[in-house]
Amino acid sequence: QLQLTESGGGLVEIGGSLRLSCLASTFAFSNYRMSWHRQAPGKGRELVAEIAEDGASTSYADFVRGRFTISRDNNNRLLTLQMNRLTPEDSAVYYCHGVRKPIFSDRIYSFPDVWGQGLQVTVSS
């Protein structure tokens, strides 16, 4: 099963930038639609951004559009989230997430969703 390892979180000042990375354990990564989610204390987990398997299409939540950029490098099994103009409302634990479509062959091969371990991002004045 694919495993995801995140890095790059931490403490940043208001208006600053952070870059989150998510490294996949195998090249099966290229078969996964990837996304970033976040969860603030006392709140539910919310989708931040997602990217297609080949990186050709991306989408963003309204509250990050224009500030965050999701990207991927399938050759290096790497997903990134560049976060700019950060505000205290962006403080949360950030998770990378992967979903793979089932394969229809002699039978249906399905794949469980995979999650990173979570990274704390704190935006402070």
Foldseek 3Di string as FASTA:
>chain_A
DKAKAKDWADEAEAQAKTKIKIAIPDLCLLQWWKFKWWDAPPGDIGTAKTADSNRPDIDGDPVQPPFKDWGDDSVRRMIMIIGGRDDQVPFTWMKMKIAGDWDPDVHTRHDDIYIYPTHTHGYHD
